[in-house]
Structure formats: C-alpha cells, structure tokens
Amino acid sequence: MSKKTLYHDKAKTHYVEEQLTYEDVATQVPVSVRTLIKWGKEGNWEVEREQYSMFKADQKERVKRIINRLGKSIEDALENNKKVSPQTLNNYDKLNKLYFKFAEEERKEEPKEADGDKGDVSDSTIKAFENMFGKKL
C-alpha cells in the first residue's frame, strides 16, 4: 500500500481538525513535510481547515444562545414559583458542561500558524449535543 493510502486521512485530520502545522503532522505520521504540503494543496486542506474552525465557533455560539434561553426560562419559572422539571435542569447542566468544554479546548489551543484560526469540534461533542436534544446538527 502507498503512503497516501495509509496516512492521508490521518494526516488530513491532524491538519484540518486538530489544527497542527505540517511540521507537527510529520511527527505524527511517517510522511515528509514536503509530501504533506503537496497533499494539502491537492486536497485544499487550508480551506477545509478554515471551514472547520468556523464550524466550531458557530457551534459554541449556538450552545451559548440555548444556555441563555434555558437559563432565562428557569429563572422566570423560579421567580413565578413554578416548578422546573428535572429534565430542564439536566439539559441546562449538560449544555453548560459542553460550553465549558469548548472554552477549555480554546484555552488549550495555541496558534500553530501565524495567520491560522483555531477550531475543533469532536464527533463525540456533536453526538452529545444531538443526543441531548434528539436532533441532527
């Protein structure tokens, strides 16, 4: 099997989703920086990297808006002596944890390239959100 067959997808994930530099990717897969750059140009990885970064930022903002709405509804219910369902409180708690996970990931990230935006939403985070609300993103 060729190196491309064996390592292309893993290299692309490191570069696009994990926001590693080509040099850092080369330490993760046995492929030269020169080959990675070639694959990146052929596959338009830079555009995918930017789109992935924007996707992450968008997801974080959506979660923040939902938390704010849910928090307001809980606050209103409590002020009006109404009961708040355990499911509502559980959803609020889960969303807060998800939001803080996004924030923690951002804090851990350091710029890997001078002009690159950072971003990464794991499949497990997306699935957790989908399971929480029973809807596909």
C-alpha atoms as a PDB file:
ATOM      1  CA  MET A   1       0.000   0.000   0.000  1.00  0.00           C
ATOM      2  CA  SER A   2       1.133   3.524  -0.716  1.00  0.00           C
ATOM      3  CA  LYS A   3       1.878   6.088   1.983  1.00  0.00           C
ATOM      4  CA  LYS A   4      -1.038   8.130   0.684  1.00  0.00           C
ATOM      5  CA  THR A   5      -3.403   5.196   1.142  1.00  0.00           C
ATOM      6  CA  LEU A   6      -2.080   4.511   4.615  1.00  0.00           C
ATOM      7  CA  TYR A   7      -1.627   8.017   6.051  1.00  0.00           C
ATOM      8  CA  HIS A   8      -3.526  10.606   4.008  1.00  0.00           C
ATOM      9  CA  ASP A   9      -6.735  10.626   6.067  1.00  0.00           C
ATOM     10  CA  LYS A  10      -4.934  10.647   9.410  1.00  0.00           C
ATOM     11  CA  ALA A  11      -2.637  13.454   8.245  1.00  0.00           C
ATOM     12  CA  LYS A  12      -5.596  15.473   6.994  1.00  0.00           C
ATOM     13  CA  THR A  13      -7.397  15.071  10.339  1.00  0.00           C
ATOM     14  CA  HIS A  14      -4.323  16.278  12.214  1.00  0.00           C
ATOM     15  CA  TYR A  15      -4.016  19.317   9.944  1.00  0.00           C
ATOM     16  CA  VAL A  16      -7.673  20.264   9.442  1.00  0.00           C
ATOM     17  CA  GLU A  17      -9.373  19.305  12.707  1.00  0.00           C
ATOM     18  CA  GLU A  18      -6.540  19.359  15.207  1.00  0.00           C
ATOM     19  CA  GLN A  19      -5.017  22.477  13.614  1.00  0.00           C
ATOM     20  CA  LEU A  20      -1.464  21.094  13.633  1.00  0.00           C
ATOM     21  CA  THR A  21       1.197  22.537  11.349  1.00  0.00           C
ATOM     22  CA  TYR A  22       2.591  20.377   8.575  1.00  0.00           C
ATOM     23  CA  GLU A  23       5.759  20.043  10.638  1.00  0.00           C
ATOM     24  CA  ASP A  24       3.788  18.772  13.620  1.00  0.00           C
ATOM     25  CA  VAL A  25       1.755  16.409  11.437  1.00  0.00           C
ATOM     26  CA  ALA A  26       5.019  14.945  10.118  1.00  0.00           C
ATOM     27  CA  THR A  27       5.867  13.927  13.691  1.00  0.00           C
ATOM     28  CA  GLN A  28       2.553  12.058  13.943  1.00  0.00           C
ATOM     29  CA  VAL A  29       2.631  10.169  10.625  1.00  0.00           C
ATOM     30  CA  PRO A  30       5.679   8.849   8.764  1.00  0.00           C
ATOM     31  CA  VAL A  31       5.363  11.294   5.860  1.00  0.00           C
ATOM     32  CA  SER A  32       7.630  14.187   4.931  1.00  0.00           C
ATOM     33  CA  VAL A  33       6.564  17.806   5.327  1.00  0.00           C
ATOM     34  CA  ARG A  34       7.010  18.266   1.590  1.00  0.00           C
ATOM     35  CA  THR A  35       4.577  15.413   0.854  1.00  0.00           C
ATOM     36  CA  LEU A  36       2.073  16.772   3.382  1.00  0.00           C
ATOM     37  CA  ILE A  37       2.175  20.194   1.753  1.00  0.00           C
ATOM     38  CA  LYS A  38       1.576  18.541  -1.626  1.00  0.00           C
ATOM     39  CA  TRP A  39      -1.385  16.573  -0.285  1.00  0.00           C
ATOM     40  CA  GLY A  40      -2.730  19.703   1.379  1.00  0.00           C
ATOM     41  CA  LYS A  41      -2.597  21.702  -1.847  1.00  0.00           C
ATOM     42  CA  GLU A  42      -4.160  18.862  -3.853  1.00  0.00           C
ATOM     43  CA  GLY A  43      -6.962  18.432  -1.315  1.00  0.00           C
ATOM     44  CA  ASN A  44      -7.483  22.113  -0.494  1.00  0.00           C
ATOM     45  CA  TRP A  45      -6.870  21.393   3.198  1.00  0.00           C
ATOM     46  CA  GLU A  46      -6.394  25.084   4.026  1.00  0.00           C
ATOM     47  CA  VAL A  47      -9.991  25.876   3.013  1.00  0.00           C
ATOM     48  CA  GLU A  48     -11.290  22.860   4.928  1.00  0.00           C
ATOM     49  CA  ARG A  49      -9.269  23.939   7.954  1.00  0.00           C
ATOM     50  CA  GLU A  50     -10.830  27.397   7.902  1.00  0.00           C
ATOM     51  CA  GLN A  51     -14.339  25.977   7.430  1.00  0.00           C
ATOM     52  CA  TYR A  52     -13.822  23.583  10.328  1.00  0.00           C
ATOM     53  CA  SER A  53     -12.655  26.427  12.535  1.00  0.00           C
ATOM     54  CA  MET A  54     -15.737  28.487  11.656  1.00  0.00           C
ATOM     55  CA  PHE A  55     -17.970  25.468  12.330  1.00  0.00           C
ATOM     56  CA  LYS A  56     -16.551  25.167  15.834  1.00  0.00           C
ATOM     57  CA  ALA A  57     -17.097  28.840  16.595  1.00  0.00           C
ATOM     58  CA  ASP A  58     -20.661  28.619  15.282  1.00  0.00           C
ATOM     59  CA  GLN A  59     -21.426  25.581  17.436  1.00  0.00           C
ATOM     60  CA  LYS A  60     -20.110  27.291  20.543  1.00  0.00           C
ATOM     61  CA  GLU A  61     -22.290  30.347  19.893  1.00  0.00           C
ATOM     62  CA  ARG A  62     -25.381  28.186  19.319  1.00  0.00           C
ATOM     63  CA  VAL A  63     -24.832  26.390  22.609  1.00  0.00           C
ATOM     64  CA  LYS A  64     -24.338  29.733  24.371  1.00  0.00           C
ATOM     65  CA  ARG A  65     -27.635  31.075  22.981  1.00  0.00           C
ATOM     66  CA  ILE A  66     -29.513  27.946  24.055  1.00  0.00           C
ATOM     67  CA  ILE A  67     -27.982  28.118  27.547  1.00  0.00           C
ATOM     68  CA  ASN A  68     -29.064  31.740  27.857  1.00  0.00           C
ATOM     69  CA  ARG A  69     -32.640  30.969  26.777  1.00  0.00           C
ATOM     70  CA  LEU A  70     -32.876  27.943  29.025  1.00  0.00           C
ATOM     71  CA  GLY A  71     -31.394  29.874  31.955  1.00  0.00           C
ATOM     72  CA  LYS A  72     -33.896  32.678  31.438  1.00  0.00           C
ATOM     73  CA  SER A  73     -36.815  30.219  31.368  1.00  0.00           C
ATOM     74  CA  ILE A  74     -35.568  28.592  34.603  1.00  0.00           C
ATOM     75  CA  GLU A  75     -35.137  31.987  36.223  1.00  0.00           C
ATOM     76  CA  ASP A  76     -38.637  33.080  35.153  1.00  0.00           C
ATOM     77  CA  ALA A  77     -40.178  29.870  36.464  1.00  0.00           C
ATOM     78  CA  LEU A  78     -38.457  30.233  39.827  1.00  0.00           C
ATOM     79  CA  GLU A  79     -39.468  33.893  40.138  1.00  0.00           C
ATOM     80  CA  ASN A  80     -43.084  32.903  39.482  1.00  0.00           C
ATOM     81  CA  ASN A  81     -42.997  29.995  41.950  1.00  0.00           C
ATOM     82  CA  LYS A  82     -43.355  27.451  39.155  1.00  0.00           C
ATOM     83  CA  LYS A  83     -41.750  24.051  39.129  1.00  0.00           C
ATOM     84  CA  VAL A  84     -38.751  23.431  36.907  1.00  0.00           C
ATOM     85  CA  SER A  85     -38.581  19.919  35.530  1.00  0.00           C
ATOM     86  CA  PRO A  86     -35.555  17.771  36.320  1.00  0.00           C
ATOM     87  CA  GLN A  87     -35.074  17.284  32.567  1.00  0.00           C
ATOM     88  CA  THR A  88     -34.811  21.048  32.041  1.00  0.00           C
ATOM     89  CA  LEU A  89     -32.242  21.345  34.819  1.00  0.00           C
ATOM     90  CA  ASN A  90     -30.363  18.355  33.465  1.00  0.00           C
ATOM     91  CA  ASN A  91     -30.274  19.859  29.955  1.00  0.00           C
ATOM     92  CA  TYR A  92     -29.068  23.169  31.360  1.00  0.00           C
ATOM     93  CA  ASP A  93     -26.316  21.381  33.271  1.00  0.00           C
ATOM     94  CA  LYS A  94     -25.231  19.332  30.242  1.00  0.00           C
ATOM     95  CA  LEU A  95     -25.153  22.377  27.989  1.00  0.00           C
ATOM     96  CA  ASN A  96     -23.062  24.313  30.494  1.00  0.00           C
ATOM     97  CA  LYS A  97     -20.590  21.440  30.628  1.00  0.00           C
ATOM     98  CA  LEU A  98     -20.479  21.339  26.837  1.00  0.00           C
ATOM     99  CA  TYR A  99     -19.913  25.093  26.640  1.00  0.00           C
ATOM    100  CA  PHE A 100     -17.100  24.935  29.195  1.00  0.00           C
ATOM    101  CA  LYS A 101     -15.586  22.049  27.263  1.00  0.00           C
ATOM    102  CA  PHE A 102     -15.498  24.291  24.176  1.00  0.00           C
ATOM    103  CA  ALA A 103     -13.930  27.066  26.233  1.00  0.00           C
ATOM    104  CA  GLU A 104     -11.350  24.702  27.749  1.00  0.00           C
ATOM    105  CA  GLU A 105     -10.385  23.433  24.299  1.00  0.00           C
ATOM    106  CA  GLU A 106      -9.872  27.022  23.158  1.00  0.00           C
ATOM    107  CA  ARG A 107      -7.678  27.799  26.167  1.00  0.00           C
ATOM    108  CA  LYS A 108      -5.519  24.761  25.486  1.00  0.00           C
ATOM    109  CA  GLU A 109      -5.015  25.685  21.868  1.00  0.00           C
ATOM    110  CA  GLU A 110      -2.061  27.741  20.813  1.00  0.00           C
ATOM    111  CA  PRO A 111      -1.682  29.241  17.356  1.00  0.00           C
ATOM    112  CA  LYS A 112       0.071  26.724  15.140  1.00  0.00           C
ATOM    113  CA  GLU A 113       0.440  29.124  12.235  1.00  0.00           C
ATOM    114  CA  ALA A 114       0.711  32.882  12.313  1.00  0.00           C
ATOM    115  CA  ASP A 115      -2.447  33.513  10.295  1.00  0.00           C
ATOM    116  CA  GLY A 116      -4.494  30.408  11.186  1.00  0.00           C
ATOM    117  CA  ASP A 117      -7.688  30.497  13.219  1.00  0.00           C
ATOM    118  CA  LYS A 118      -8.120  27.680  15.692  1.00  0.00           C
ATOM    119  CA  GLY A 119     -11.077  25.355  15.861  1.00  0.00           C
ATOM    120  CA  ASP A 120     -12.108  21.830  16.597  1.00  0.00           C
ATOM    121  CA  VAL A 121     -15.370  20.163  17.448  1.00  0.00           C
ATOM    122  CA  SER A 122     -15.026  16.462  18.082  1.00  0.00           C
ATOM    123  CA  ASP A 123     -17.543  13.974  16.788  1.00  0.00           C
ATOM    124  CA  SER A 124     -18.295  12.969  20.376  1.00  0.00           C
ATOM    125  CA  THR A 125     -19.201  16.566  21.272  1.00  0.00           C
ATOM    126  CA  ILE A 126     -21.564  16.815  18.305  1.00  0.00           C
ATOM    127  CA  LYS A 127     -23.133  13.452  19.154  1.00  0.00           C
ATOM    128  CA  ALA A 128     -23.580  14.517  22.776  1.00  0.00           C
ATOM    129  CA  PHE A 129     -25.426  17.616  21.623  1.00  0.00           C
ATOM    130  CA  GLU A 130     -27.559  15.610  19.174  1.00  0.00           C
ATOM    131  CA  ASN A 131     -28.417  13.030  21.844  1.00  0.00           C
ATOM    132  CA  MET A 132     -29.265  15.742  24.326  1.00  0.00           C
ATOM    133  CA  PHE A 133     -31.829  17.308  22.011  1.00  0.00           C
ATOM    134  CA  GLY A 134     -32.720  14.380  19.785  1.00  0.00           C
ATOM    135  CA  LYS A 135     -31.896  16.312  16.613  1.00  0.00           C
ATOM    136  CA  LYS A 136     -29.186  16.073  13.984  1.00  0.00           C
ATOM    137  CA  LEU A 137     -26.911  19.082  13.546  1.00  0.00           C
END
